[in-house]
Amino acid sequence: MYSMRGKKLMLMLMTTMMKSSSLLCQWDLVCDKNYLVETSQSVFSVGVMVGIFVFTTLADRIGRKPVLLCCEFTMIVLGVAIAFSRNYVTFVVLRFLQGAMREAGDKE
């Protein structure tokens, strides 16, 4: 197994190999903050669960087509906003909203 010194050396090597334009380096998601990478995926999944309740109820009240079109357009806007997000909190909030909007497009 790796010793503690070996693990630190491996993390330093990984950090050095990543370019400074990488989100992992920009938002400092290496070493002790690497759990935040998995957290963003969990927040997306929670957004999907919230979207199930919100947008299925909304589709029953005002119709499937308007809800679908609104959510698809919002997904495009959110995708662009995520690409230009400057910090982790903004990224996670936008991913939550994207997860919620995604669910409206999956209904038949």
Foldseek 3Di string as FASTA:
>chain_A
DDDPVRVVVVQVVVLVPDDCVDPCNQQVCGDPNVVLVVVLVVLLVVLLVVLVVVLVVVCVVPHLVVLLVVLVVVLVVLVVCLVVDRYSVSNSVSSSPNSSSVNSNPDD
